[in-house]
Amino acid sequence: MKLYFSLLLICLLTACKSTEQPTTVTPMLTSLLNHTLFELQQVPTEQVIFQLSNHEAKTFLAYVDNQRLAGLTDDIILYNYIERGFSNFSYHGDTLTAQQTLELAHGNCISLAILTQAYANLIDLETGFQEMTSQPVYAKEGNLVFIANHYKFLLRRG
């Protein structure tokens, strides 16, 4: 009887040891996406993103010259120009080029930063961008969930 229990115990222990653990295969993210739902979008060049019309560039540079005569620094001049000219700007989820933002008077924080950068480029003003640490904004459109962060445009005093 002891022999029988010993054999049974050995069989049970051997059976436990020989049980294979299933290997978990993590699918690649690209295999989870349904690429047929999306269309490849043309990405504008950096020049197109920050380009302003000749008329707008001339208008801005004339404003800068006038304000410099009044003794204002370029960072204050740019701030005043944006503040004065875009009081009717409405925040919208689109990321637009500088010219589109100017024409439509709406866009997201990056659109406004792109427009401001376009003006800063005209007067060689040093700038920067800072991602804000805050609660992300979630939006759902159909079966897509968007997560938005906020960016701040920084002007460097010359």
N, C-alpha and C. Protein backbone atom coordinates (compact mmCIF):
# COMPACT_ATOMS: atom_id res chain seq x y z
N MET A 1 0.82 -1.18 0.00
CA MET A 1 0.00 0.00 0.00
C MET A 1 0.87 1.26 0.00
N LYS A 2 1.96 1.25 0.80
CA LYS A 2 2.88 2.39 0.81
C LYS A 2 3.47 2.60 -0.58
N LEU A 3 3.77 1.52 -1.23
CA LEU A 3 4.33 1.60 -2.57
C LEU A 3 3.33 2.25 -3.53
N TYR A 4 2.09 1.89 -3.39
CA TYR A 4 1.03 2.43 -4.25
C TYR A 4 0.89 3.94 -4.04
N PHE A 5 0.86 4.40 -2.79
CA PHE A 5 0.76 5.83 -2.49
C PHE A 5 2.01 6.58 -2.94
N SER A 6 3.15 5.96 -2.79
CA SER A 6 4.40 6.59 -3.22
C SER A 6 4.40 6.79 -4.73
N LEU A 7 3.96 5.77 -5.48
CA LEU A 7 3.88 5.88 -6.93
C LEU A 7 2.86 6.94 -7.35
N LEU A 8 1.73 6.95 -6.67
CA LEU A 8 0.70 7.94 -6.96
C LEU A 8 1.22 9.35 -6.70
N LEU A 9 1.91 9.54 -5.60
CA LEU A 9 2.47 10.84 -5.26
C LEU A 9 3.52 11.28 -6.28
N ILE A 10 4.36 10.37 -6.71
CA ILE A 10 5.39 10.68 -7.71
C ILE A 10 4.73 11.06 -9.03
N CYS A 11 3.68 10.33 -9.41
CA CYS A 11 2.96 10.64 -10.66
C CYS A 11 2.31 12.02 -10.59
N LEU A 12 1.70 12.33 -9.46
CA LEU A 12 1.06 13.63 -9.31
C LEU A 12 2.09 14.77 -9.36
N LEU A 13 3.19 14.60 -8.68
CA LEU A 13 4.23 15.63 -8.68
C LEU A 13 4.85 15.80 -10.06
N THR A 14 5.04 14.71 -10.74
CA THR A 14 5.60 14.77 -12.09
C THR A 14 4.61 15.44 -13.04
N ALA A 15 3.34 15.16 -12.87
CA ALA A 15 2.32 15.77 -13.72
C ALA A 15 2.28 17.28 -13.52
N CYS A 16 2.42 17.74 -12.29
CA CYS A 16 2.42 19.18 -12.03
C CYS A 16 3.62 19.85 -12.67
N LYS A 17 4.76 19.20 -12.59
CA LYS A 17 5.98 19.78 -13.13
C LYS A 17 5.95 19.83 -14.65
N SER A 18 5.29 18.88 -15.27
CA SER A 18 5.31 18.82 -16.73
C SER A 18 4.23 19.68 -17.38
N THR A 19 3.39 20.33 -16.58
CA THR A 19 2.36 21.20 -17.15
C THR A 19 3.03 22.43 -17.75
N GLU A 20 2.80 22.65 -19.03
CA GLU A 20 3.42 23.79 -19.71
C GLU A 20 2.64 25.07 -19.43
N GLN A 21 3.37 26.10 -19.17
CA GLN A 21 2.76 27.41 -19.01
C GLN A 21 2.51 27.98 -20.40
N PRO A 22 1.29 28.45 -20.66
CA PRO A 22 1.04 29.01 -22.00
C PRO A 22 1.84 30.30 -22.17
N THR A 23 2.45 30.44 -23.33
CA THR A 23 3.20 31.65 -23.61
C THR A 23 2.24 32.71 -24.14
N THR A 24 2.32 33.87 -23.55
CA THR A 24 1.45 34.97 -23.95
C THR A 24 2.13 35.73 -25.08
N VAL A 25 1.45 35.82 -26.19
CA VAL A 25 1.97 36.55 -27.33
C VAL A 25 1.30 37.92 -27.36
N THR A 26 2.11 38.95 -27.20
CA THR A 26 1.58 40.31 -27.25
C THR A 26 1.60 40.77 -28.70
N PRO A 27 0.42 41.09 -29.23
CA PRO A 27 0.39 41.50 -30.64
C PRO A 27 1.03 42.87 -30.82
N MET A 28 1.63 43.07 -31.97
CA MET A 28 2.22 44.37 -32.30
C MET A 28 1.09 45.38 -32.47
N LEU A 29 1.35 46.61 -32.08
CA LEU A 29 0.33 47.66 -32.17
C LEU A 29 -0.15 47.83 -33.61
N THR A 30 0.79 47.76 -34.55
CA THR A 30 0.40 47.95 -35.95
C THR A 30 -0.55 46.87 -36.44
N SER A 31 -0.49 45.69 -35.86
CA SER A 31 -1.42 44.64 -36.28
C SER A 31 -2.81 44.86 -35.70
N LEU A 32 -2.92 45.67 -34.65
CA LEU A 32 -4.22 45.95 -34.04
C LEU A 32 -4.97 47.08 -34.75
N LEU A 33 -4.25 47.90 -35.50
CA LEU A 33 -4.87 49.04 -36.17
C LEU A 33 -5.47 48.61 -37.50
N ASN A 34 -6.64 49.12 -37.77
CA ASN A 34 -7.29 48.87 -39.05
C ASN A 34 -6.90 50.01 -39.99
N HIS A 35 -5.86 49.79 -40.76
CA HIS A 35 -5.31 50.84 -41.61
C HIS A 35 -6.28 51.28 -42.71
N THR A 36 -7.26 50.48 -43.02
CA THR A 36 -8.21 50.86 -44.07
C THR A 36 -9.12 52.00 -43.62
N LEU A 37 -9.17 52.28 -42.32
CA LEU A 37 -10.00 53.37 -41.82
C LEU A 37 -9.34 54.73 -41.99
N PHE A 38 -8.06 54.75 -42.34
CA PHE A 38 -7.32 56.00 -42.39
C PHE A 38 -6.78 56.25 -43.79
N GLU A 39 -6.68 57.52 -44.13
CA GLU A 39 -6.07 57.92 -45.39
C GLU A 39 -4.73 58.58 -45.09
N LEU A 40 -3.75 58.31 -45.92
CA LEU A 40 -2.45 58.93 -45.77
C LEU A 40 -2.58 60.42 -46.07
N GLN A 41 -2.12 61.24 -45.15
CA GLN A 41 -2.23 62.69 -45.30
C GLN A 41 -0.90 63.28 -45.74
N GLN A 42 -0.98 64.25 -46.61
CA GLN A 42 0.20 64.97 -47.06
C GLN A 42 0.68 65.86 -45.91
N VAL A 43 1.96 65.82 -45.59
CA VAL A 43 2.51 66.64 -44.51
C VAL A 43 3.18 67.86 -45.14
N PRO A 44 2.74 69.07 -44.76
CA PRO A 44 3.36 70.27 -45.34
C PRO A 44 4.80 70.43 -44.86
N THR A 45 5.60 71.10 -45.66
CA THR A 45 6.99 71.35 -45.29
C THR A 45 7.04 72.39 -44.18
N GLU A 46 8.17 72.49 -43.53
CA GLU A 46 8.35 73.49 -42.47
C GLU A 46 8.15 74.89 -43.02
N GLN A 47 8.64 75.12 -44.24
CA GLN A 47 8.48 76.44 -44.86
C GLN A 47 7.01 76.78 -45.03
N VAL A 48 6.21 75.83 -45.48
CA VAL A 48 4.77 76.07 -45.68
C VAL A 48 4.08 76.30 -44.33
N ILE A 49 4.48 75.54 -43.31
CA ILE A 49 3.84 75.65 -41.99
C ILE A 49 3.99 77.07 -41.43
N PHE A 50 5.18 77.65 -41.57
CA PHE A 50 5.47 78.95 -40.95
C PHE A 50 5.38 80.13 -41.92
N GLN A 51 4.92 79.91 -43.12
CA GLN A 51 4.87 80.97 -44.13
C GLN A 51 3.65 81.86 -43.95
N LEU A 52 3.88 83.16 -44.06
CA LEU A 52 2.81 84.16 -44.06
C LEU A 52 2.75 84.80 -45.44
N SER A 53 1.60 85.31 -45.80
CA SER A 53 1.48 86.00 -47.09
C SER A 53 2.39 87.22 -47.10
N ASN A 54 2.78 87.66 -48.29
CA ASN A 54 3.63 88.85 -48.40
C ASN A 54 2.96 90.07 -47.78
N HIS A 55 1.66 90.19 -48.01
CA HIS A 55 0.91 91.33 -47.46
C HIS A 55 0.97 91.33 -45.93
N GLU A 56 0.75 90.16 -45.32
CA GLU A 56 0.77 90.08 -43.85
C GLU A 56 2.18 90.34 -43.31
N ALA A 57 3.20 89.82 -43.99
CA ALA A 57 4.58 90.05 -43.55
C ALA A 57 4.91 91.54 -43.59
N LYS A 58 4.52 92.21 -44.67
CA LYS A 58 4.79 93.66 -44.79
C LYS A 58 4.03 94.45 -43.73
N THR A 59 2.78 94.07 -43.48
CA THR A 59 1.97 94.75 -42.46
C THR A 59 2.62 94.60 -41.09
N PHE A 60 3.06 93.40 -40.77
CA PHE A 60 3.70 93.15 -39.47
C PHE A 60 5.01 93.91 -39.35
N LEU A 61 5.85 93.87 -40.39
CA LEU A 61 7.15 94.54 -40.31
C LEU A 61 6.99 96.06 -40.21
N ALA A 62 5.97 96.62 -40.84
CA ALA A 62 5.70 98.06 -40.69
C ALA A 62 5.29 98.37 -39.25
N TYR A 63 4.48 97.50 -38.65
CA TYR A 63 4.07 97.65 -37.25
C TYR A 63 5.30 97.59 -36.34
N VAL A 64 6.19 96.62 -36.61
CA VAL A 64 7.41 96.47 -35.80
C VAL A 64 8.26 97.74 -35.88
N ASP A 65 8.48 98.24 -37.09
CA ASP A 65 9.30 99.46 -37.26
C ASP A 65 8.71 100.63 -36.47
N ASN A 66 7.41 100.79 -36.54
CA ASN A 66 6.72 101.87 -35.83
C ASN A 66 6.87 101.71 -34.32
N GLN A 67 6.73 100.50 -33.82
CA GLN A 67 6.81 100.26 -32.38
C GLN A 67 8.25 100.37 -31.87
N ARG A 68 9.22 100.01 -32.70
CA ARG A 68 10.62 100.16 -32.30
C ARG A 68 10.96 101.64 -32.12
N LEU A 69 10.38 102.49 -32.98
CA LEU A 69 10.60 103.94 -32.84
C LEU A 69 10.05 104.45 -31.51
N ALA A 70 9.03 103.77 -31.00
CA ALA A 70 8.44 104.14 -29.71
C ALA A 70 9.24 103.56 -28.54
N GLY A 71 10.32 102.82 -28.84
CA GLY A 71 11.19 102.31 -27.80
C GLY A 71 10.82 100.94 -27.24
N LEU A 72 9.90 100.25 -27.88
CA LEU A 72 9.50 98.92 -27.39
C LEU A 72 10.46 97.84 -27.89
N THR A 73 10.64 96.81 -27.07
CA THR A 73 11.48 95.68 -27.46
C THR A 73 10.66 94.71 -28.32
N ASP A 74 11.37 93.89 -29.09
CA ASP A 74 10.70 93.00 -30.04
C ASP A 74 9.74 92.01 -29.38
N ASP A 75 10.09 91.52 -28.19
CA ASP A 75 9.18 90.58 -27.52
C ASP A 75 7.86 91.25 -27.15
N ILE A 76 7.92 92.48 -26.68
CA ILE A 76 6.70 93.22 -26.33
C ILE A 76 5.92 93.57 -27.60
N ILE A 77 6.64 93.94 -28.65
CA ILE A 77 5.98 94.27 -29.92
C ILE A 77 5.21 93.07 -30.44
N LEU A 78 5.83 91.91 -30.44
CA LEU A 78 5.15 90.70 -30.93
C LEU A 78 3.96 90.35 -30.05
N TYR A 79 4.15 90.44 -28.74
CA TYR A 79 3.04 90.16 -27.82
C TYR A 79 1.86 91.09 -28.11
N ASN A 80 2.14 92.38 -28.23
CA ASN A 80 1.07 93.36 -28.49
C ASN A 80 0.38 93.10 -29.83
N TYR A 81 1.15 92.72 -30.83
CA TYR A 81 0.57 92.47 -32.16
C TYR A 81 -0.40 91.28 -32.11
N ILE A 82 0.02 90.22 -31.45
CA ILE A 82 -0.85 89.03 -31.33
C ILE A 82 -2.07 89.38 -30.48
N GLU A 83 -1.85 90.05 -29.37
CA GLU A 83 -2.94 90.40 -28.46
C GLU A 83 -3.96 91.32 -29.15
N ARG A 84 -3.46 92.29 -29.89
CA ARG A 84 -4.33 93.25 -30.57
C ARG A 84 -5.07 92.61 -31.74
N GLY A 85 -4.37 91.79 -32.50
CA GLY A 85 -4.95 91.26 -33.73
C GLY A 85 -5.77 89.99 -33.59
N PHE A 86 -5.67 89.33 -32.44
CA PHE A 86 -6.34 88.04 -32.33
C PHE A 86 -7.22 87.93 -31.10
N SER A 87 -7.86 89.02 -30.76
CA SER A 87 -8.78 88.99 -29.62
C SER A 87 -10.01 88.14 -29.93
N ASN A 88 -10.29 87.94 -31.22
CA ASN A 88 -11.44 87.12 -31.61
C ASN A 88 -11.05 85.68 -31.94
N PHE A 89 -9.82 85.30 -31.63
CA PHE A 89 -9.34 83.94 -31.90
C PHE A 89 -10.14 82.94 -31.08
N SER A 90 -10.60 81.89 -31.73
CA SER A 90 -11.35 80.85 -31.00
C SER A 90 -10.56 79.54 -31.06
N TYR A 91 -10.45 78.92 -29.89
CA TYR A 91 -9.73 77.66 -29.81
C TYR A 91 -10.58 76.55 -30.38
N HIS A 92 -9.97 75.79 -31.28
CA HIS A 92 -10.63 74.70 -31.98
C HIS A 92 -9.59 73.60 -32.11
N GLY A 93 -9.99 72.39 -32.30
CA GLY A 93 -9.07 71.26 -32.28
C GLY A 93 -8.11 71.14 -33.44
N ASP A 94 -8.23 71.99 -34.46
CA ASP A 94 -7.40 71.85 -35.64
C ASP A 94 -5.99 72.39 -35.42
N THR A 95 -5.00 71.66 -35.94
CA THR A 95 -3.64 72.16 -36.01
C THR A 95 -3.45 72.68 -37.42
N LEU A 96 -3.23 73.99 -37.54
CA LEU A 96 -3.20 74.65 -38.84
C LEU A 96 -1.85 75.30 -39.10
N THR A 97 -1.62 75.67 -40.36
CA THR A 97 -0.43 76.44 -40.70
C THR A 97 -0.63 77.88 -40.22
N ALA A 98 0.44 78.65 -40.26
CA ALA A 98 0.36 80.05 -39.83
C ALA A 98 -0.67 80.82 -40.67
N GLN A 99 -0.62 80.66 -41.98
CA GLN A 99 -1.53 81.39 -42.85
C GLN A 99 -2.98 80.95 -42.64
N GLN A 100 -3.21 79.65 -42.47
CA GLN A 100 -4.57 79.16 -42.22
C GLN A 100 -5.11 79.73 -40.90
N THR A 101 -4.27 79.74 -39.88
CA THR A 101 -4.68 80.27 -38.58
C THR A 101 -5.03 81.74 -38.70
N LEU A 102 -4.23 82.47 -39.45
CA LEU A 102 -4.48 83.90 -39.67
C LEU A 102 -5.81 84.12 -40.39
N GLU A 103 -6.05 83.34 -41.44
CA GLU A 103 -7.28 83.51 -42.23
C GLU A 103 -8.54 83.08 -41.49
N LEU A 104 -8.45 81.97 -40.74
CA LEU A 104 -9.63 81.41 -40.09
C LEU A 104 -9.86 81.95 -38.68
N ALA A 105 -8.82 82.53 -38.08
CA ALA A 105 -8.89 83.06 -36.71
C ALA A 105 -9.35 82.01 -35.71
N HIS A 106 -8.94 80.76 -35.96
CA HIS A 106 -9.17 79.71 -34.98
C HIS A 106 -8.10 78.63 -35.17
N GLY A 107 -8.02 77.75 -34.21
CA GLY A 107 -7.05 76.67 -34.21
C GLY A 107 -6.79 76.25 -32.78
N ASN A 108 -5.89 75.30 -32.61
CA ASN A 108 -5.54 74.89 -31.25
C ASN A 108 -4.33 75.68 -30.76
N CYS A 109 -3.83 75.34 -29.59
CA CYS A 109 -2.71 76.10 -29.03
C CYS A 109 -1.46 75.99 -29.91
N ILE A 110 -1.29 74.86 -30.59
CA ILE A 110 -0.14 74.71 -31.47
C ILE A 110 -0.29 75.61 -32.70
N SER A 111 -1.51 75.74 -33.21
CA SER A 111 -1.75 76.65 -34.34
C SER A 111 -1.36 78.08 -33.98
N LEU A 112 -1.77 78.51 -32.81
CA LEU A 112 -1.44 79.87 -32.36
C LEU A 112 0.07 80.00 -32.15
N ALA A 113 0.71 78.97 -31.65
CA ALA A 113 2.17 78.99 -31.47
C ALA A 113 2.88 79.04 -32.83
N ILE A 114 2.36 78.31 -33.81
CA ILE A 114 2.94 78.33 -35.16
C ILE A 114 2.84 79.73 -35.75
N LEU A 115 1.69 80.35 -35.61
CA LEU A 115 1.50 81.71 -36.12
C LEU A 115 2.45 82.68 -35.44
N THR A 116 2.55 82.58 -34.13
CA THR A 116 3.44 83.46 -33.38
C THR A 116 4.89 83.23 -33.80
N GLN A 117 5.26 81.97 -34.01
CA GLN A 117 6.61 81.65 -34.46
C GLN A 117 6.88 82.24 -35.85
N ALA A 118 5.87 82.22 -36.71
CA ALA A 118 6.03 82.79 -38.05
C ALA A 118 6.37 84.28 -37.96
N TYR A 119 5.67 84.99 -37.08
CA TYR A 119 5.98 86.41 -36.88
C TYR A 119 7.38 86.58 -36.27
N ALA A 120 7.71 85.75 -35.29
CA ALA A 120 9.02 85.83 -34.64
C ALA A 120 10.14 85.58 -35.64
N ASN A 121 9.91 84.66 -36.59
CA ASN A 121 10.92 84.39 -37.61
C ASN A 121 11.22 85.63 -38.46
N LEU A 122 10.22 86.45 -38.69
CA LEU A 122 10.41 87.65 -39.52
C LEU A 122 11.34 88.66 -38.88
N ILE A 123 11.42 88.66 -37.55
CA ILE A 123 12.27 89.63 -36.85
C ILE A 123 13.39 88.95 -36.06
N ASP A 124 13.65 87.67 -36.38
CA ASP A 124 14.74 86.91 -35.74
C ASP A 124 14.67 86.94 -34.21
N LEU A 125 13.47 86.77 -33.70
CA LEU A 125 13.27 86.76 -32.25
C LEU A 125 13.42 85.34 -31.73
N GLU A 126 14.21 85.17 -30.68
CA GLU A 126 14.43 83.85 -30.10
C GLU A 126 13.18 83.39 -29.35
N THR A 127 12.78 82.15 -29.60
CA THR A 127 11.54 81.63 -29.03
C THR A 127 11.75 80.21 -28.53
N GLY A 128 10.71 79.67 -27.93
CA GLY A 128 10.72 78.28 -27.48
C GLY A 128 9.31 77.80 -27.24
N PHE A 129 9.18 76.52 -27.00
CA PHE A 129 7.89 75.91 -26.71
C PHE A 129 8.02 75.13 -25.40
N GLN A 130 6.95 75.10 -24.64
CA GLN A 130 6.95 74.36 -23.38
C GLN A 130 5.66 73.57 -23.28
N GLU A 131 5.80 72.25 -23.06
CA GLU A 131 4.61 71.42 -22.84
C GLU A 131 4.15 71.65 -21.42
N MET A 132 2.89 71.96 -21.25
CA MET A 132 2.34 72.23 -19.93
C MET A 132 1.98 70.92 -19.25
N THR A 133 2.31 70.83 -17.98
CA THR A 133 1.96 69.66 -17.20
C THR A 133 0.62 69.92 -16.55
N SER A 134 -0.40 69.30 -17.09
CA SER A 134 -1.74 69.48 -16.56
C SER A 134 -2.55 68.23 -16.88
N GLN A 135 -3.76 68.22 -16.39
CA GLN A 135 -4.64 67.09 -16.70
C GLN A 135 -4.92 67.10 -18.20
N PRO A 136 -4.75 65.95 -18.87
CA PRO A 136 -5.06 65.92 -20.30
C PRO A 136 -6.55 66.09 -20.55
N VAL A 137 -6.87 66.59 -21.71
CA VAL A 137 -8.26 66.76 -22.12
C VAL A 137 -8.63 65.60 -23.04
N TYR A 138 -9.70 64.93 -22.70
CA TYR A 138 -10.16 63.80 -23.51
C TYR A 138 -11.39 64.22 -24.30
N ALA A 139 -11.45 63.78 -25.54
CA ALA A 139 -12.62 64.03 -26.37
C ALA A 139 -12.91 62.77 -27.18
N LYS A 140 -14.18 62.48 -27.35
CA LYS A 140 -14.56 61.31 -28.12
C LYS A 140 -15.32 61.75 -29.36
N GLU A 141 -14.91 61.23 -30.49
CA GLU A 141 -15.57 61.52 -31.75
C GLU A 141 -15.77 60.19 -32.46
N GLY A 142 -17.02 59.74 -32.52
CA GLY A 142 -17.29 58.41 -33.09
C GLY A 142 -16.70 57.35 -32.18
N ASN A 143 -15.88 56.49 -32.76
CA ASN A 143 -15.24 55.46 -31.94
C ASN A 143 -13.78 55.78 -31.66
N LEU A 144 -13.38 57.05 -31.83
CA LEU A 144 -12.02 57.47 -31.53
C LEU A 144 -12.00 58.34 -30.27
N VAL A 145 -10.99 58.14 -29.45
CA VAL A 145 -10.80 58.96 -28.26
C VAL A 145 -9.52 59.76 -28.47
N PHE A 146 -9.62 61.07 -28.32
CA PHE A 146 -8.48 61.95 -28.48
C PHE A 146 -8.01 62.41 -27.11
N ILE A 147 -6.70 62.49 -26.95
CA ILE A 147 -6.11 63.02 -25.73
C ILE A 147 -5.30 64.24 -26.14
N ALA A 148 -5.58 65.37 -25.52
CA ALA A 148 -4.90 66.61 -25.89
C ALA A 148 -4.06 67.13 -24.73
N ASN A 149 -2.87 67.56 -25.06
CA ASN A 149 -2.01 68.27 -24.12
C ASN A 149 -1.98 69.73 -24.53
N HIS A 150 -1.41 70.56 -23.68
CA HIS A 150 -1.35 71.98 -23.98
C HIS A 150 0.10 72.42 -24.07
N TYR A 151 0.39 73.29 -25.02
CA TYR A 151 1.73 73.83 -25.18
C TYR A 151 1.69 75.34 -25.04
N LYS A 152 2.76 75.87 -24.47
CA LYS A 152 2.87 77.31 -24.29
C LYS A 152 4.04 77.81 -25.14
N PHE A 153 3.85 78.95 -25.76
CA PHE A 153 4.87 79.58 -26.59
C PHE A 153 5.67 80.53 -25.71
N LEU A 154 6.99 80.48 -25.81
CA LEU A 154 7.85 81.33 -24.97
C LEU A 154 8.61 82.33 -25.83
N LEU A 155 8.54 83.59 -25.45
CA LEU A 155 9.33 84.63 -26.10
C LEU A 155 10.54 84.92 -25.23
N ARG A 156 11.69 85.02 -25.85
CA ARG A 156 12.93 85.32 -25.12
C ARG A 156 13.22 86.81 -25.25
N ARG A 157 13.41 87.43 -24.13
CA ARG A 157 13.71 88.87 -24.13
C ARG A 157 15.14 89.07 -24.63
N GLY A 158 15.28 89.96 -25.60
CA GLY A 158 16.57 90.17 -26.24
C GLY A 158 17.47 91.11 -25.54
